[in-house]
Amino acid sequence: MVNMKKLMKQAQDMQSQMMTTQKELESMEVEGNAGGGAVTAKLNGKKEILSLNIEPDLLKEEKDMVEDMIIACINQAQTKIDKISKEKMDSISGGMPSGMPGF
């Protein structure tokens, strides 16, 4: 019975750590860029765009190219967020599957 109480306490501690880490991740800011920095986007951990900057000279280029750079820039930032989130959550869970009930 003692082992079950210990296991439950560990599970509660892990859940608390995950909730704290999730809040930290949501408040982080990550930047992506494309075209050598001609386009930069800043996203928060929820993948919401906080800012987007396009160098004025780039606006003289073809519309399709500018749109592609914006998409690449945002995708880069989202990939960074995914990587950081996975690393932080894996460090808490010890690599356990993320689909565990309650986590």
N, C-alpha and C. Protein backbone atom coordinates (compact mmCIF):
# COMPACT_ATOMS: atom_id res chain seq x y z
N MET A 1 0.81 -1.19 0.00
CA MET A 1 0.00 0.00 0.00
C MET A 1 0.86 1.27 0.00
N VAL A 2 2.00 1.20 0.66
CA VAL A 2 2.90 2.35 0.71
C VAL A 2 3.40 2.70 -0.69
N ASN A 3 3.69 1.67 -1.48
CA ASN A 3 4.16 1.90 -2.85
C ASN A 3 3.11 2.60 -3.70
N MET A 4 1.85 2.28 -3.48
CA MET A 4 0.77 2.91 -4.25
C MET A 4 0.68 4.39 -3.88
N LYS A 5 0.79 4.71 -2.59
CA LYS A 5 0.76 6.12 -2.18
C LYS A 5 1.94 6.88 -2.77
N LYS A 6 3.10 6.24 -2.77
CA LYS A 6 4.30 6.87 -3.32
C LYS A 6 4.13 7.11 -4.82
N LEU A 7 3.58 6.13 -5.51
CA LEU A 7 3.35 6.24 -6.94
C LEU A 7 2.35 7.36 -7.25
N MET A 8 1.29 7.45 -6.45
CA MET A 8 0.29 8.50 -6.66
C MET A 8 0.91 9.88 -6.41
N LYS A 9 1.75 10.00 -5.39
CA LYS A 9 2.42 11.27 -5.09
C LYS A 9 3.33 11.67 -6.25
N GLN A 10 4.07 10.69 -6.79
CA GLN A 10 4.95 10.97 -7.94
C GLN A 10 4.14 11.43 -9.14
N ALA A 11 3.01 10.79 -9.37
CA ALA A 11 2.15 11.16 -10.50
C ALA A 11 1.60 12.57 -10.32
N GLN A 12 1.21 12.92 -9.10
CA GLN A 12 0.70 14.26 -8.82
C GLN A 12 1.81 15.30 -9.02
N ASP A 13 3.02 14.98 -8.55
CA ASP A 13 4.15 15.90 -8.71
C ASP A 13 4.46 16.11 -10.19
N MET A 14 4.43 15.03 -10.98
CA MET A 14 4.70 15.12 -12.41
C MET A 14 3.64 15.97 -13.10
N GLN A 15 2.38 15.77 -12.72
CA GLN A 15 1.31 16.55 -13.32
C GLN A 15 1.47 18.03 -12.99
N SER A 16 1.85 18.34 -11.77
CA SER A 16 2.08 19.72 -11.37
C SER A 16 3.22 20.35 -12.16
N GLN A 17 4.30 19.59 -12.31
CA GLN A 17 5.44 20.08 -13.10
C GLN A 17 5.03 20.33 -14.55
N MET A 18 4.23 19.43 -15.10
CA MET A 18 3.80 19.58 -16.49
C MET A 18 2.92 20.81 -16.67
N MET A 19 2.06 21.07 -15.70
CA MET A 19 1.19 22.25 -15.79
C MET A 19 2.02 23.53 -15.72
N THR A 20 3.00 23.55 -14.83
CA THR A 20 3.88 24.71 -14.70
C THR A 20 4.67 24.92 -15.98
N THR A 21 5.21 23.83 -16.52
CA THR A 21 6.00 23.92 -17.75
C THR A 21 5.12 24.36 -18.91
N GLN A 22 3.89 23.88 -18.98
CA GLN A 22 2.97 24.28 -20.05
C GLN A 22 2.74 25.78 -20.01
N LYS A 23 2.56 26.34 -18.81
CA LYS A 23 2.36 27.79 -18.70
C LYS A 23 3.61 28.55 -19.15
N GLU A 24 4.79 28.02 -18.79
CA GLU A 24 6.04 28.64 -19.24
C GLU A 24 6.16 28.61 -20.76
N LEU A 25 5.81 27.46 -21.34
CA LEU A 25 5.89 27.32 -22.79
C LEU A 25 4.94 28.29 -23.50
N GLU A 26 3.74 28.45 -22.95
CA GLU A 26 2.76 29.34 -23.57
C GLU A 26 3.22 30.80 -23.55
N SER A 27 4.01 31.16 -22.55
CA SER A 27 4.44 32.56 -22.45
C SER A 27 5.77 32.84 -23.16
N MET A 28 6.42 31.80 -23.67
CA MET A 28 7.70 32.04 -24.36
C MET A 28 7.46 32.70 -25.71
N GLU A 29 8.52 33.34 -26.23
CA GLU A 29 8.45 33.95 -27.55
C GLU A 29 9.56 33.37 -28.40
N VAL A 30 9.21 32.96 -29.62
CA VAL A 30 10.15 32.34 -30.54
C VAL A 30 10.09 33.10 -31.86
N GLU A 31 11.25 33.27 -32.46
CA GLU A 31 11.31 34.01 -33.72
C GLU A 31 11.72 33.08 -34.86
N GLY A 32 11.09 33.29 -36.00
CA GLY A 32 11.46 32.61 -37.23
C GLY A 32 11.81 33.68 -38.25
N ASN A 33 12.64 33.31 -39.23
CA ASN A 33 12.96 34.28 -40.27
C ASN A 33 13.16 33.57 -41.60
N ALA A 34 13.09 34.35 -42.66
CA ALA A 34 13.28 33.83 -44.01
C ALA A 34 13.93 34.92 -44.85
N GLY A 35 14.55 34.51 -45.93
CA GLY A 35 15.16 35.47 -46.83
C GLY A 35 16.30 36.23 -46.18
N GLY A 36 17.08 35.53 -45.36
CA GLY A 36 18.20 36.18 -44.70
C GLY A 36 17.76 37.25 -43.72
N GLY A 37 16.59 37.09 -43.15
CA GLY A 37 16.08 38.06 -42.19
C GLY A 37 15.18 39.12 -42.81
N ALA A 38 14.91 38.99 -44.10
CA ALA A 38 14.02 39.96 -44.76
C ALA A 38 12.61 39.88 -44.20
N VAL A 39 12.25 38.68 -43.71
CA VAL A 39 10.95 38.49 -43.07
C VAL A 39 11.21 37.84 -41.72
N THR A 40 10.67 38.42 -40.66
CA THR A 40 10.77 37.81 -39.34
C THR A 40 9.39 37.79 -38.70
N ALA A 41 9.14 36.73 -37.96
CA ALA A 41 7.88 36.61 -37.24
C ALA A 41 8.19 36.15 -35.83
N LYS A 42 7.47 36.69 -34.88
CA LYS A 42 7.61 36.29 -33.49
C LYS A 42 6.29 35.65 -33.07
N LEU A 43 6.38 34.44 -32.52
CA LEU A 43 5.20 33.70 -32.07
C LEU A 43 5.34 33.39 -30.59
N ASN A 44 4.21 33.25 -29.91
CA ASN A 44 4.27 32.78 -28.53
C ASN A 44 4.15 31.26 -28.53
N GLY A 45 4.22 30.67 -27.35
CA GLY A 45 4.19 29.22 -27.24
C GLY A 45 2.88 28.58 -27.67
N LYS A 46 1.83 29.38 -27.81
CA LYS A 46 0.55 28.88 -28.32
C LYS A 46 0.50 28.96 -29.84
N LYS A 47 1.63 29.37 -30.43
CA LYS A 47 1.77 29.53 -31.88
C LYS A 47 0.94 30.68 -32.43
N GLU A 48 0.65 31.66 -31.57
CA GLU A 48 -0.03 32.86 -32.02
C GLU A 48 1.03 33.86 -32.48
N ILE A 49 0.78 34.52 -33.60
CA ILE A 49 1.73 35.48 -34.14
C ILE A 49 1.66 36.77 -33.32
N LEU A 50 2.81 37.15 -32.76
CA LEU A 50 2.89 38.37 -31.96
C LEU A 50 3.32 39.55 -32.82
N SER A 51 4.23 39.28 -33.76
CA SER A 51 4.68 40.35 -34.65
C SER A 51 5.18 39.74 -35.96
N LEU A 52 5.11 40.54 -36.99
CA LEU A 52 5.58 40.17 -38.32
C LEU A 52 6.27 41.39 -38.91
N ASN A 53 7.51 41.20 -39.35
CA ASN A 53 8.24 42.31 -39.95
C ASN A 53 8.70 41.92 -41.36
N ILE A 54 8.43 42.78 -42.31
CA ILE A 54 8.85 42.57 -43.69
C ILE A 54 9.69 43.78 -44.09
N GLU A 55 10.91 43.52 -44.51
CA GLU A 55 11.78 44.62 -44.94
C GLU A 55 11.12 45.34 -46.12
N PRO A 56 11.10 46.65 -46.12
CA PRO A 56 10.42 47.42 -47.17
C PRO A 56 10.88 47.07 -48.59
N ASP A 57 12.17 46.79 -48.78
CA ASP A 57 12.66 46.46 -50.12
C ASP A 57 12.02 45.18 -50.66
N LEU A 58 11.68 44.26 -49.75
CA LEU A 58 11.09 42.99 -50.17
C LEU A 58 9.71 43.20 -50.78
N LEU A 59 9.05 44.25 -50.40
CA LEU A 59 7.70 44.52 -50.92
C LEU A 59 7.70 44.88 -52.40
N LYS A 60 8.89 45.15 -52.94
CA LYS A 60 9.01 45.43 -54.37
C LYS A 60 9.09 44.15 -55.20
N GLU A 61 9.27 43.02 -54.51
CA GLU A 61 9.38 41.72 -55.18
C GLU A 61 7.99 41.18 -55.53
N GLU A 62 7.99 40.04 -56.22
CA GLU A 62 6.73 39.43 -56.62
C GLU A 62 5.94 38.97 -55.40
N LYS A 63 4.65 39.15 -55.48
CA LYS A 63 3.74 38.80 -54.39
C LYS A 63 3.92 37.36 -53.93
N ASP A 64 4.01 36.41 -54.88
CA ASP A 64 4.15 35.00 -54.53
C ASP A 64 5.40 34.74 -53.71
N MET A 65 6.50 35.39 -54.05
CA MET A 65 7.75 35.19 -53.33
C MET A 65 7.63 35.72 -51.89
N VAL A 66 7.02 36.85 -51.72
CA VAL A 66 6.84 37.43 -50.39
C VAL A 66 5.95 36.52 -49.54
N GLU A 67 4.87 36.04 -50.13
CA GLU A 67 3.97 35.14 -49.40
C GLU A 67 4.70 33.86 -48.98
N ASP A 68 5.51 33.30 -49.88
CA ASP A 68 6.28 32.09 -49.56
C ASP A 68 7.24 32.33 -48.40
N MET A 69 7.87 33.51 -48.38
CA MET A 69 8.79 33.83 -47.29
C MET A 69 8.06 33.97 -45.96
N ILE A 70 6.88 34.57 -46.00
CA ILE A 70 6.09 34.72 -44.77
C ILE A 70 5.71 33.34 -44.23
N ILE A 71 5.26 32.48 -45.12
CA ILE A 71 4.87 31.12 -44.72
C ILE A 71 6.08 30.37 -44.15
N ALA A 72 7.23 30.45 -44.83
CA ALA A 72 8.44 29.75 -44.37
C ALA A 72 8.87 30.27 -43.00
N CYS A 73 8.78 31.55 -42.82
CA CYS A 73 9.17 32.19 -41.57
C CYS A 73 8.29 31.69 -40.41
N ILE A 74 7.00 31.69 -40.60
CA ILE A 74 6.07 31.25 -39.56
C ILE A 74 6.24 29.76 -39.29
N ASN A 75 6.39 28.96 -40.35
CA ASN A 75 6.60 27.53 -40.17
C ASN A 75 7.87 27.25 -39.39
N GLN A 76 8.93 28.01 -39.64
CA GLN A 76 10.18 27.84 -38.91
C GLN A 76 9.97 28.09 -37.41
N ALA A 77 9.28 29.16 -37.08
CA ALA A 77 9.01 29.47 -35.68
C ALA A 77 8.15 28.39 -35.03
N GLN A 78 7.16 27.89 -35.74
CA GLN A 78 6.30 26.83 -35.20
C GLN A 78 7.09 25.55 -34.95
N THR A 79 8.00 25.22 -35.84
CA THR A 79 8.85 24.04 -35.67
C THR A 79 9.74 24.19 -34.43
N LYS A 80 10.28 25.39 -34.23
CA LYS A 80 11.09 25.64 -33.03
C LYS A 80 10.26 25.45 -31.76
N ILE A 81 9.03 25.96 -31.78
CA ILE A 81 8.14 25.82 -30.61
C ILE A 81 7.88 24.34 -30.34
N ASP A 82 7.58 23.58 -31.38
CA ASP A 82 7.32 22.15 -31.21
C ASP A 82 8.53 21.44 -30.60
N LYS A 83 9.72 21.77 -31.08
CA LYS A 83 10.94 21.13 -30.59
C LYS A 83 11.19 21.48 -29.12
N ILE A 84 11.07 22.75 -28.78
CA ILE A 84 11.28 23.18 -27.40
C ILE A 84 10.24 22.53 -26.48
N SER A 85 8.98 22.51 -26.90
CA SER A 85 7.92 21.91 -26.10
C SER A 85 8.17 20.43 -25.87
N LYS A 86 8.55 19.72 -26.91
CA LYS A 86 8.81 18.29 -26.78
C LYS A 86 9.97 18.03 -25.83
N GLU A 87 11.05 18.80 -25.98
CA GLU A 87 12.21 18.61 -25.11
C GLU A 87 11.85 18.86 -23.65
N LYS A 88 11.11 19.92 -23.37
CA LYS A 88 10.75 20.25 -21.99
C LYS A 88 9.81 19.20 -21.40
N MET A 89 8.82 18.78 -22.16
CA MET A 89 7.88 17.79 -21.66
C MET A 89 8.55 16.42 -21.48
N ASP A 90 9.42 16.05 -22.42
CA ASP A 90 10.13 14.77 -22.30
C ASP A 90 11.02 14.76 -21.07
N SER A 91 11.61 15.91 -20.73
CA SER A 91 12.49 15.95 -19.56
C SER A 91 11.69 15.73 -18.27
N ILE A 92 10.43 16.12 -18.27
CA ILE A 92 9.58 15.92 -17.10
C ILE A 92 9.07 14.48 -17.04
N SER A 93 8.59 14.00 -18.17
CA SER A 93 7.94 12.69 -18.21
C SER A 93 8.92 11.54 -18.37
N GLY A 94 10.18 11.84 -18.59
CA GLY A 94 11.15 10.77 -18.80
C GLY A 94 10.90 10.02 -20.09
N GLY A 95 10.22 10.67 -21.05
CA GLY A 95 9.97 10.03 -22.34
C GLY A 95 8.73 9.17 -22.37
N MET A 96 7.92 9.20 -21.28
CA MET A 96 6.69 8.40 -21.27
C MET A 96 5.75 8.95 -22.33
N PRO A 97 4.88 8.11 -22.88
CA PRO A 97 3.93 8.58 -23.90
C PRO A 97 3.10 9.73 -23.37
N SER A 98 2.88 10.74 -24.20
CA SER A 98 2.15 11.93 -23.77
C SER A 98 0.66 11.71 -23.67
N GLY A 99 0.15 10.59 -24.12
CA GLY A 99 -1.29 10.33 -24.09
C GLY A 99 -1.76 9.70 -22.79
N MET A 100 -0.93 9.71 -21.76
CA MET A 100 -1.34 9.10 -20.49
C MET A 100 -2.49 9.91 -19.88
N PRO A 101 -3.48 9.24 -19.35
CA PRO A 101 -4.61 9.94 -18.74
C PRO A 101 -4.15 10.87 -17.63
N GLY A 102 -4.71 12.07 -17.61
CA GLY A 102 -4.39 13.02 -16.55
C GLY A 102 -3.17 13.87 -16.83
N PHE A 103 -2.49 13.65 -17.93
CA PHE A 103 -1.27 14.41 -18.23
C PHE A 103 -1.41 15.13 -19.55
